């Protein structure tokens, strides 16, 4: 691999890691009310539709991004729905 490919690989793994602070913020506040659930589901459905291409690709950068992004954004979806009503759906 070239230096550019190593940088791309690091970025393909690093970019989805920005979902972790979002997940932690939702858990800390016990609310996902500031997120549009339409946006959350739109991004997640698009990720699901893109991921087969990533799985089939011989490009390690695209494959890595697809897998890491799907896993971490699925975490966003789960946490966003869990805390949608602000505090485990108790409201």
PDB file of N, CA and C in Angstrom:
ATOM      1  N   UNK A   1       0.844  -1.187   0.000  1.00  0.00           N
ATOM      2  CA  UNK A   1       0.000   0.000   0.000  1.00  0.00           C
ATOM      3  C   UNK A   1       0.886   1.247   0.000  1.00  0.00           C
ATOM      4  N   UNK A   2       0.375   2.285  -0.631  1.00  0.00           N
ATOM      5  CA  UNK A   2       1.100   3.551  -0.679  1.00  0.00           C
ATOM      6  C   UNK A   2       0.728   4.390   0.544  1.00  0.00           C
ATOM      7  N   UNK A   3       1.450   5.462   0.744  1.00  0.00           N
ATOM      8  CA  UNK A   3       1.172   6.372   1.853  1.00  0.00           C
ATOM      9  C   UNK A   3      -0.246   6.931   1.747  1.00  0.00           C
ATOM     10  N   UNK A   4      -0.651   7.284   0.543  1.00  0.00           N
ATOM     11  CA  UNK A   4      -2.005   7.824   0.330  1.00  0.00           C
ATOM     12  C   UNK A   4      -3.052   6.782   0.724  1.00  0.00           C
ATOM     13  N   UNK A   5      -2.817   5.521   0.419  1.00  0.00           N
ATOM     14  CA  UNK A   5      -3.762   4.474   0.777  1.00  0.00           C
ATOM     15  C   UNK A   5      -3.809   4.262   2.289  1.00  0.00           C
ATOM     16  N   UNK A   6      -2.670   4.348   2.959  1.00  0.00           N
ATOM     17  CA  UNK A   6      -2.652   4.248   4.425  1.00  0.00           C
ATOM     18  C   UNK A   6      -3.423   5.400   5.063  1.00  0.00           C
ATOM     19  N   UNK A   7      -3.238   6.589   4.509  1.00  0.00           N
ATOM     20  CA  UNK A   7      -3.978   7.755   5.019  1.00  0.00           C
ATOM     21  C   UNK A   7      -5.479   7.554   4.792  1.00  0.00           C
ATOM     22  N   UNK A   8      -5.839   7.088   3.607  1.00  0.00           N
ATOM     23  CA  UNK A   8      -7.246   6.818   3.301  1.00  0.00           C
ATOM     24  C   UNK A   8      -7.837   5.755   4.216  1.00  0.00           C
ATOM     25  N   UNK A   9      -7.052   4.715   4.512  1.00  0.00           N
ATOM     26  CA  UNK A   9      -7.516   3.657   5.411  1.00  0.00           C
ATOM     27  C   UNK A   9      -7.743   4.206   6.820  1.00  0.00           C
ATOM     28  N   UNK A  10      -6.800   5.003   7.291  1.00  0.00           N
ATOM     29  CA  UNK A  10      -6.958   5.608   8.619  1.00  0.00           C
ATOM     30  C   UNK A  10      -8.197   6.503   8.660  1.00  0.00           C
ATOM     31  N   UNK A  11      -8.411   7.275   7.615  1.00  0.00           N
ATOM     32  CA  UNK A  11      -9.578   8.160   7.564  1.00  0.00           C
ATOM     33  C   UNK A  11     -10.874   7.354   7.453  1.00  0.00           C
ATOM     34  N   UNK A  12     -10.839   6.240   6.718  1.00  0.00           N
ATOM     35  CA  UNK A  12     -12.055   5.436   6.552  1.00  0.00           C
ATOM     36  C   UNK A  12     -12.497   4.797   7.865  1.00  0.00           C
ATOM     37  N   UNK A  13     -11.547   4.558   8.739  1.00  0.00           N
ATOM     38  CA  UNK A  13     -11.873   4.025  10.066  1.00  0.00           C
ATOM     39  C   UNK A  13     -12.154   5.170  11.032  1.00  0.00           C
ATOM     40  N   UNK A  14     -11.417   6.257  10.891  1.00  0.00           N
ATOM     41  CA  UNK A  14     -11.556   7.391  11.804  1.00  0.00           C
ATOM     42  C   UNK A  14     -12.846   8.171  11.641  1.00  0.00           C
ATOM     43  N   UNK A  15     -13.303   8.343  10.415  1.00  0.00           N
ATOM     44  CA  UNK A  15     -14.508   9.137  10.181  1.00  0.00           C
ATOM     45  C   UNK A  15     -15.726   8.606  10.936  1.00  0.00           C
ATOM     46  N   UNK A  16     -16.033   7.321  10.863  1.00  0.00           N
ATOM     47  CA  UNK A  16     -17.189   6.825  11.617  1.00  0.00           C
ATOM     48  C   UNK A  16     -17.014   6.887  13.135  1.00  0.00           C
ATOM     49  N   UNK A  17     -15.778   7.010  13.615  1.00  0.00           N
ATOM     50  CA  UNK A  17     -15.565   7.098  15.055  1.00  0.00           C
ATOM     51  C   UNK A  17     -16.191   8.356  15.650  1.00  0.00           C
ATOM     52  N   UNK A  18     -16.512   9.345  14.798  1.00  0.00           N
ATOM     53  CA  UNK A  18     -17.172  10.553  15.282  1.00  0.00           C
ATOM     54  C   UNK A  18     -18.601  10.271  15.719  1.00  0.00           C
ATOM     55  N   UNK A  19     -19.107   9.076  15.435  1.00  0.00           N
ATOM     56  CA  UNK A  19     -20.418   8.684  15.948  1.00  0.00           C
ATOM     57  C   UNK A  19     -20.370   8.412  17.450  1.00  0.00           C
ATOM     58  N   UNK A  20     -19.207   8.056  17.963  1.00  0.00           N
ATOM     59  CA  UNK A  20     -19.083   7.723  19.388  1.00  0.00           C
ATOM     60  C   UNK A  20     -19.426   8.919  20.278  1.00  0.00           C
ATOM     61  N   UNK A  21     -18.886  10.130  20.026  1.00  0.00           N
ATOM     62  CA  UNK A  21     -19.302  11.265  20.863  1.00  0.00           C
ATOM     63  C   UNK A  21     -20.801  11.542  20.790  1.00  0.00           C
ATOM     64  N   UNK A  22     -21.403  11.325  19.630  1.00  0.00           N
ATOM     65  CA  UNK A  22     -22.850  11.515  19.497  1.00  0.00           C
ATOM     66  C   UNK A  22     -23.593  10.513  20.374  1.00  0.00           C
ATOM     67  N   UNK A  23     -23.178   9.262  20.332  1.00  0.00           N
ATOM     68  CA  UNK A  23     -23.798   8.233  21.172  1.00  0.00           C
ATOM     69  C   UNK A  23     -23.646   8.589  22.646  1.00  0.00           C
ATOM     70  N   UNK A  24     -22.452   8.979  23.044  1.00  0.00           N
ATOM     71  CA  UNK A  24     -22.195   9.324  24.453  1.00  0.00           C
ATOM     72  C   UNK A  24     -22.998  10.541  24.889  1.00  0.00           C
ATOM     73  N   UNK A  25     -23.147  11.528  23.991  1.00  0.00           N
ATOM     74  CA  UNK A  25     -23.930  12.721  24.331  1.00  0.00           C
ATOM     75  C   UNK A  25     -25.401  12.361  24.553  1.00  0.00           C
ATOM     76  N   UNK A  26     -25.933  11.504  23.722  1.00  0.00           N
ATOM     77  CA  UNK A  26     -27.329  11.073  23.876  1.00  0.00           C
ATOM     78  C   UNK A  26     -27.502  10.346  25.202  1.00  0.00           C
ATOM     79  N   UNK A  27     -26.584   9.451  25.512  1.00  0.00           N
ATOM     80  CA  UNK A  27     -26.676   8.694  26.774  1.00  0.00           C
ATOM     81  C   UNK A  27     -26.546   9.625  27.968  1.00  0.00           C
ATOM     82  N   UNK A  28     -25.584  10.548  27.916  1.00  0.00           N
ATOM     83  CA  UNK A  28     -25.372  11.477  29.040  1.00  0.00           C
ATOM     84  C   UNK A  28     -26.604  12.342  29.284  1.00  0.00           C
ATOM     85  N   UNK A  29     -27.200  12.842  28.210  1.00  0.00           N
ATOM     86  CA  UNK A  29     -28.372  13.711  28.342  1.00  0.00           C
ATOM     87  C   UNK A  29     -29.656  12.918  28.499  1.00  0.00           C
ATOM     88  N   UNK A  30     -29.578  11.613  28.221  1.00  0.00           N
ATOM     89  CA  UNK A  30     -30.735  10.726  28.296  1.00  0.00           C
ATOM     90  C   UNK A  30     -31.866  11.193  27.388  1.00  0.00           C
ATOM     91  N   UNK A  31     -31.451  11.776  26.244  1.00  0.00           N
ATOM     92  CA  UNK A  31     -32.436  12.268  25.286  1.00  0.00           C
ATOM     93  C   UNK A  31     -31.804  12.364  23.901  1.00  0.00           C
ATOM     94  N   UNK A  32     -32.602  12.031  22.896  1.00  0.00           N
ATOM     95  CA  UNK A  32     -32.184  12.246  21.509  1.00  0.00           C
ATOM     96  C   UNK A  32     -33.146  13.213  20.824  1.00  0.00           C
ATOM     97  N   UNK A  33     -33.821  14.010  21.636  1.00  0.00           N
ATOM     98  CA  UNK A  33     -34.848  14.919  21.121  1.00  0.00           C
ATOM     99  C   UNK A  33     -34.292  15.943  20.132  1.00  0.00           C
ATOM    100  N   UNK A  34     -32.993  16.263  20.225  1.00  0.00           N
ATOM    101  CA  UNK A  34     -32.415  17.250  19.318  1.00  0.00           C
ATOM    102  C   UNK A  34     -32.048  16.659  17.958  1.00  0.00           C
ATOM    103  N   UNK A  35     -32.230  15.361  17.781  1.00  0.00           N
ATOM    104  CA  UNK A  35     -31.950  14.713  16.501  1.00  0.00           C
ATOM    105  C   UNK A  35     -33.239  14.489  15.732  1.00  0.00           C
ATOM    106  N   UNK A  36     -33.192  14.701  14.452  1.00  0.00           N
ATOM    107  CA  UNK A  36     -34.313  14.364  13.593  1.00  0.00           C
ATOM    108  C   UNK A  36     -34.264  12.860  13.350  1.00  0.00           C
ATOM    109  N   UNK A  37     -35.310  12.166  13.716  1.00  0.00           N
ATOM    110  CA  UNK A  37     -35.337  10.721  13.498  1.00  0.00           C
ATOM    111  C   UNK A  37     -35.440  10.405  12.007  1.00  0.00           C
ATOM    112  N   UNK A  38     -35.980  11.328  11.225  1.00  0.00           N
ATOM    113  CA  UNK A  38     -35.980  11.163   9.772  1.00  0.00           C
ATOM    114  C   UNK A  38     -34.546  11.158   9.257  1.00  0.00           C
ATOM    115  N   UNK A  39     -33.721  12.077   9.765  1.00  0.00           N
ATOM    116  CA  UNK A  39     -32.314  12.122   9.378  1.00  0.00           C
ATOM    117  C   UNK A  39     -31.608  10.846   9.820  1.00  0.00           C
ATOM    118  N   UNK A  40     -31.814  10.442  11.062  1.00  0.00           N
ATOM    119  CA  UNK A  40     -31.160   9.238  11.589  1.00  0.00           C
ATOM    120  C   UNK A  40     -31.499   8.036  10.719  1.00  0.00           C
ATOM    121  N   UNK A  41     -32.772   7.837  10.433  1.00  0.00           N
ATOM    122  CA  UNK A  41     -33.181   6.687   9.636  1.00  0.00           C
ATOM    123  C   UNK A  41     -32.732   6.813   8.181  1.00  0.00           C
ATOM    124  N   UNK A  42     -32.723   8.026   7.657  1.00  0.00           N
ATOM    125  CA  UNK A  42     -32.249   8.237   6.281  1.00  0.00           C
ATOM    126  C   UNK A  42     -30.788   7.861   6.122  1.00  0.00           C
ATOM    127  N   UNK A  43     -29.965   8.309   7.060  1.00  0.00           N
ATOM    128  CA  UNK A  43     -28.539   7.975   7.011  1.00  0.00           C
ATOM    129  C   UNK A  43     -28.341   6.479   7.194  1.00  0.00           C
ATOM    130  N   UNK A  44     -29.083   5.883   8.113  1.00  0.00           N
ATOM    131  CA  UNK A  44     -28.920   4.453   8.387  1.00  0.00           C
ATOM    132  C   UNK A  44     -29.354   3.597   7.201  1.00  0.00           C
ATOM    133  N   UNK A  45     -30.491   3.929   6.588  1.00  0.00           N
ATOM    134  CA  UNK A  45     -30.966   3.169   5.427  1.00  0.00           C
ATOM    135  C   UNK A  45     -29.971   3.303   4.269  1.00  0.00           C
ATOM    136  N   UNK A  46     -29.462   4.503   4.044  1.00  0.00           N
ATOM    137  CA  UNK A  46     -28.459   4.675   2.993  1.00  0.00           C
ATOM    138  C   UNK A  46     -27.202   3.869   3.305  1.00  0.00           C
ATOM    139  N   UNK A  47     -26.798   3.828   4.564  1.00  0.00           N
ATOM    140  CA  UNK A  47     -25.641   3.011   4.957  1.00  0.00           C
ATOM    141  C   UNK A  47     -25.905   1.535   4.681  1.00  0.00           C
ATOM    142  N   UNK A  48     -27.110   1.086   4.992  1.00  0.00           N
ATOM    143  CA  UNK A  48     -27.468  -0.310   4.716  1.00  0.00           C
ATOM    144  C   UNK A  48     -27.440  -0.613   3.219  1.00  0.00           C
ATOM    145  N   UNK A  49     -27.884   0.336   2.413  1.00  0.00           N
ATOM    146  CA  UNK A  49     -27.910   0.123   0.971  1.00  0.00           C
ATOM    147  C   UNK A  49     -26.510   0.171   0.351  1.00  0.00           C
ATOM    148  N   UNK A  50     -25.611   0.917   0.966  1.00  0.00           N
ATOM    149  CA  UNK A  50     -24.244   1.042   0.461  1.00  0.00           C
ATOM    150  C   UNK A  50     -23.364  -0.127   0.883  1.00  0.00           C
ATOM    151  N   UNK A  51     -23.631  -0.708   2.036  1.00  0.00           N
ATOM    152  CA  UNK A  51     -22.717  -1.693   2.620  1.00  0.00           C
ATOM    153  C   UNK A  51     -22.485  -2.936   1.754  1.00  0.00           C
ATOM    154  N   UNK A  52     -23.443  -3.441   0.986  1.00  0.00           N
ATOM    155  CA  UNK A  52     -23.106  -4.593   0.127  1.00  0.00           C
ATOM    156  C   UNK A  52     -21.986  -4.282  -0.866  1.00  0.00           C
ATOM    157  N   UNK A  53     -21.970  -3.059  -1.378  1.00  0.00           N
ATOM    158  CA  UNK A  53     -20.894  -2.651  -2.267  1.00  0.00           C
ATOM    159  C   UNK A  53     -19.554  -2.691  -1.539  1.00  0.00           C
ATOM    160  N   UNK A  54     -19.566  -2.257  -0.289  1.00  0.00           N
ATOM    161  CA  UNK A  54     -18.340  -2.293   0.513  1.00  0.00           C
ATOM    162  C   UNK A  54     -17.870  -3.703   0.790  1.00  0.00           C
ATOM    163  N   UNK A  55     -18.817  -4.583   1.098  1.00  0.00           N
ATOM    164  CA  UNK A  55     -18.457  -5.987   1.357  1.00  0.00           C
ATOM    165  C   UNK A  55     -17.865  -6.654   0.128  1.00  0.00           C
ATOM    166  N   UNK A  56     -18.368  -6.313  -1.047  1.00  0.00           N
ATOM    167  CA  UNK A  56     -17.913  -6.950  -2.278  1.00  0.00           C
ATOM    168  C   UNK A  56     -16.648  -6.316  -2.851  1.00  0.00           C
ATOM    169  N   UNK A  57     -16.320  -5.122  -2.415  1.00  0.00           N
ATOM    170  CA  UNK A  57     -15.193  -4.386  -2.971  1.00  0.00           C
ATOM    171  C   UNK A  57     -13.850  -5.003  -2.569  1.00  0.00           C
ATOM    172  N   UNK A  58     -12.919  -4.953  -3.491  1.00  0.00           N
ATOM    173  CA  UNK A  58     -11.551  -5.374  -3.190  1.00  0.00           C
ATOM    174  C   UNK A  58     -10.757  -4.223  -2.572  1.00  0.00           C
ATOM    175  N   UNK A  59     -11.341  -3.028  -2.585  1.00  0.00           N
ATOM    176  CA  UNK A  59     -10.692  -1.841  -2.021  1.00  0.00           C
ATOM    177  C   UNK A  59     -10.820  -1.869  -0.500  1.00  0.00           C
ATOM    178  N   UNK A  60      -9.717  -2.034   0.181  1.00  0.00           N
ATOM    179  CA  UNK A  60      -9.710  -2.147   1.646  1.00  0.00           C
ATOM    180  C   UNK A  60     -10.254  -0.880   2.311  1.00  0.00           C
ATOM    181  N   UNK A  61     -10.028   0.254   1.683  1.00  0.00           N
ATOM    182  CA  UNK A  61     -10.491   1.518   2.272  1.00  0.00           C
ATOM    183  C   UNK A  61     -12.022   1.573   2.256  1.00  0.00           C
ATOM    184  N   UNK A  62     -12.621   1.287   1.123  1.00  0.00           N
ATOM    185  CA  UNK A  62     -14.083   1.305   1.015  1.00  0.00           C
ATOM    186  C   UNK A  62     -14.707   0.226   1.904  1.00  0.00           C
ATOM    187  N   UNK A  63     -14.110  -0.961   1.902  1.00  0.00           N
ATOM    188  CA  UNK A  63     -14.625  -2.060   2.719  1.00  0.00           C
ATOM    189  C   UNK A  63     -14.567  -1.704   4.205  1.00  0.00           C
ATOM    190  N   UNK A  64     -13.446  -1.156   4.647  1.00  0.00           N
ATOM    191  CA  UNK A  64     -13.284  -0.775   6.061  1.00  0.00           C
ATOM    192  C   UNK A  64     -14.295   0.290   6.462  1.00  0.00           C
ATOM    193  N   UNK A  65     -14.425   1.323   5.632  1.00  0.00           N
ATOM    194  CA  UNK A  65     -15.377   2.384   5.936  1.00  0.00           C
ATOM    195  C   UNK A  65     -16.788   1.826   6.038  1.00  0.00           C
ATOM    196  N   UNK A  66     -17.182   1.004   5.087  1.00  0.00           N
ATOM    197  CA  UNK A  66     -18.535   0.458   5.067  1.00  0.00           C
ATOM    198  C   UNK A  66     -18.851  -0.318   6.337  1.00  0.00           C
ATOM    199  N   UNK A  67     -17.928  -1.157   6.758  1.00  0.00           N
ATOM    200  CA  UNK A  67     -18.147  -1.992   7.937  1.00  0.00           C
ATOM    201  C   UNK A  67     -18.189  -1.152   9.212  1.00  0.00           C
ATOM    202  N   UNK A  68     -17.175  -0.308   9.402  1.00  0.00           N
ATOM    203  CA  UNK A  68     -17.097   0.492  10.631  1.00  0.00           C
ATOM    204  C   UNK A  68     -18.267   1.471  10.700  1.00  0.00           C
ATOM    205  N   UNK A  69     -18.600   2.095   9.580  1.00  0.00           N
ATOM    206  CA  UNK A  69     -19.704   3.048   9.570  1.00  0.00           C
ATOM    207  C   UNK A  69     -21.033   2.366   9.885  1.00  0.00           C
ATOM    208  N   UNK A  70     -21.268   1.212   9.299  1.00  0.00           N
ATOM    209  CA  UNK A  70     -22.527   0.507   9.564  1.00  0.00           C
ATOM    210  C   UNK A  70     -22.644   0.128  11.037  1.00  0.00           C
ATOM    211  N   UNK A  71     -21.574  -0.388  11.613  1.00  0.00           N
ATOM    212  CA  UNK A  71     -21.606  -0.803  13.021  1.00  0.00           C
ATOM    213  C   UNK A  71     -21.853   0.396  13.931  1.00  0.00           C
ATOM    214  N   UNK A  72     -21.083   1.455  13.744  1.00  0.00           N
ATOM    215  CA  UNK A  72     -21.210   2.601  14.649  1.00  0.00           C
ATOM    216  C   UNK A  72     -22.498   3.390  14.423  1.00  0.00           C
ATOM    217  N   UNK A  73     -22.944   3.524  13.172  1.00  0.00           N
ATOM    218  CA  UNK A  73     -24.192   4.262  12.983  1.00  0.00           C
ATOM    219  C   UNK A  73     -25.389   3.437  13.435  1.00  0.00           C
ATOM    220  N   UNK A  74     -25.281   2.125  13.384  1.00  0.00           N
ATOM    221  CA  UNK A  74     -26.330   1.295  13.969  1.00  0.00           C
ATOM    222  C   UNK A  74     -26.415   1.573  15.468  1.00  0.00           C
ATOM    223  N   UNK A  75     -25.271   1.792  16.099  1.00  0.00           N
ATOM    224  CA  UNK A  75     -25.257   2.191  17.512  1.00  0.00           C
ATOM    225  C   UNK A  75     -25.980   3.507  17.727  1.00  0.00           C
ATOM    226  N   UNK A  76     -25.773   4.467  16.836  1.00  0.00           N
ATOM    227  CA  UNK A  76     -26.483   5.752  16.929  1.00  0.00           C
ATOM    228  C   UNK A  76     -27.989   5.522  16.843  1.00  0.00           C
ATOM    229  N   UNK A  77     -28.419   4.707  15.898  1.00  0.00           N
ATOM    230  CA  UNK A  77     -29.850   4.439  15.711  1.00  0.00           C
ATOM    231  C   UNK A  77     -30.450   3.804  16.968  1.00  0.00           C
ATOM    232  N   UNK A  78     -29.778   2.803  17.503  1.00  0.00           N
ATOM    233  CA  UNK A  78     -30.290   2.112  18.696  1.00  0.00           C
ATOM    234  C   UNK A  78     -30.399   3.064  19.872  1.00  0.00           C
ATOM    235  N   UNK A  79     -29.347   3.832  20.113  1.00  0.00           N
ATOM    236  CA  UNK A  79     -29.343   4.755  21.253  1.00  0.00           C
ATOM    237  C   UNK A  79     -30.354   5.885  21.027  1.00  0.00           C
ATOM    238  N   UNK A  80     -30.443   6.373  19.795  1.00  0.00           N
ATOM    239  CA  UNK A  80     -31.394   7.456  19.507  1.00  0.00           C
ATOM    240  C   UNK A  80     -32.821   7.006  19.771  1.00  0.00           C
ATOM    241  N   UNK A  81     -33.168   5.803  19.366  1.00  0.00           N
ATOM    242  CA  UNK A  81     -34.529   5.313  19.629  1.00  0.00           C
ATOM    243  C   UNK A  81     -34.739   4.994  21.101  1.00  0.00           C
ATOM    244  N   UNK A  82     -33.733   4.459  21.738  1.00  0.00           N
ATOM    245  CA  UNK A  82     -33.855   4.133  23.159  1.00  0.00           C
ATOM    246  C   UNK A  82     -34.126   5.387  23.993  1.00  0.00           C
ATOM    247  N   UNK A  83     -33.457   6.479  23.652  1.00  0.00           N
ATOM    248  CA  UNK A  83     -33.593   7.703  24.428  1.00  0.00           C
ATOM    249  C   UNK A  83     -34.476   8.741  23.727  1.00  0.00           C
ATOM    250  N   UNK A  84     -35.294   8.314  22.788  1.00  0.00           N
ATOM    251  CA  UNK A  84     -36.117   9.253  22.040  1.00  0.00           C
ATOM    252  C   UNK A  84     -37.079  10.027  22.922  1.00  0.00           C
ATOM    253  N   UNK A  85     -37.693   9.393  23.858  1.00  0.00           N
ATOM    254  CA  UNK A  85     -38.658  10.057  24.710  1.00  0.00           C
ATOM    255  C   UNK A  85     -37.997  10.757  25.880  1.00  0.00           C
ATOM    256  N   UNK A  86     -36.681  10.786  25.921  1.00  0.00           N
ATOM    257  CA  UNK A  86     -35.982  11.443  27.015  1.00  0.00           C
ATOM    258  C   UNK A  86     -36.062  10.645  28.279  1.00  0.00           C
ATOM    259  N   UNK A  87     -35.155   9.747  28.467  1.00  0.00           N
ATOM    260  CA  UNK A  87     -35.137   8.944  29.686  1.00  0.00           C
ATOM    261  C   UNK A  87     -35.837   7.613  29.502  1.00  0.00           C
ATOM    262  N   UNK A  88     -35.374   6.843  28.577  1.00  0.00           N
ATOM    263  CA  UNK A  88     -35.832   5.474  28.371  1.00  0.00           C
ATOM    264  C   UNK A  88     -37.304   5.383  28.001  1.00  0.00           C
ATOM    265  N   UNK A  89     -37.834   6.398  27.322  1.00  0.00           N
ATOM    266  CA  UNK A  89     -39.213   6.335  26.867  1.00  0.00           C
ATOM    267  C   UNK A  89     -40.256   6.492  27.948  1.00  0.00           C
ATOM    268  N   UNK A  90     -39.928   7.128  29.061  1.00  0.00           N
ATOM    269  CA  UNK A  90     -40.861   7.273  30.178  1.00  0.00           C
ATOM    270  C   UNK A  90     -41.791   8.460  30.033  1.00  0.00           C
ATOM    271  N   UNK A  91     -41.523   9.369  29.110  1.00  0.00           N
ATOM    272  CA  UNK A  91     -42.360  10.565  28.968  1.00  0.00           C
ATOM    273  C   UNK A  91     -43.463  10.343  27.981  1.00  0.00           C
TER     274      UNK A  91
END
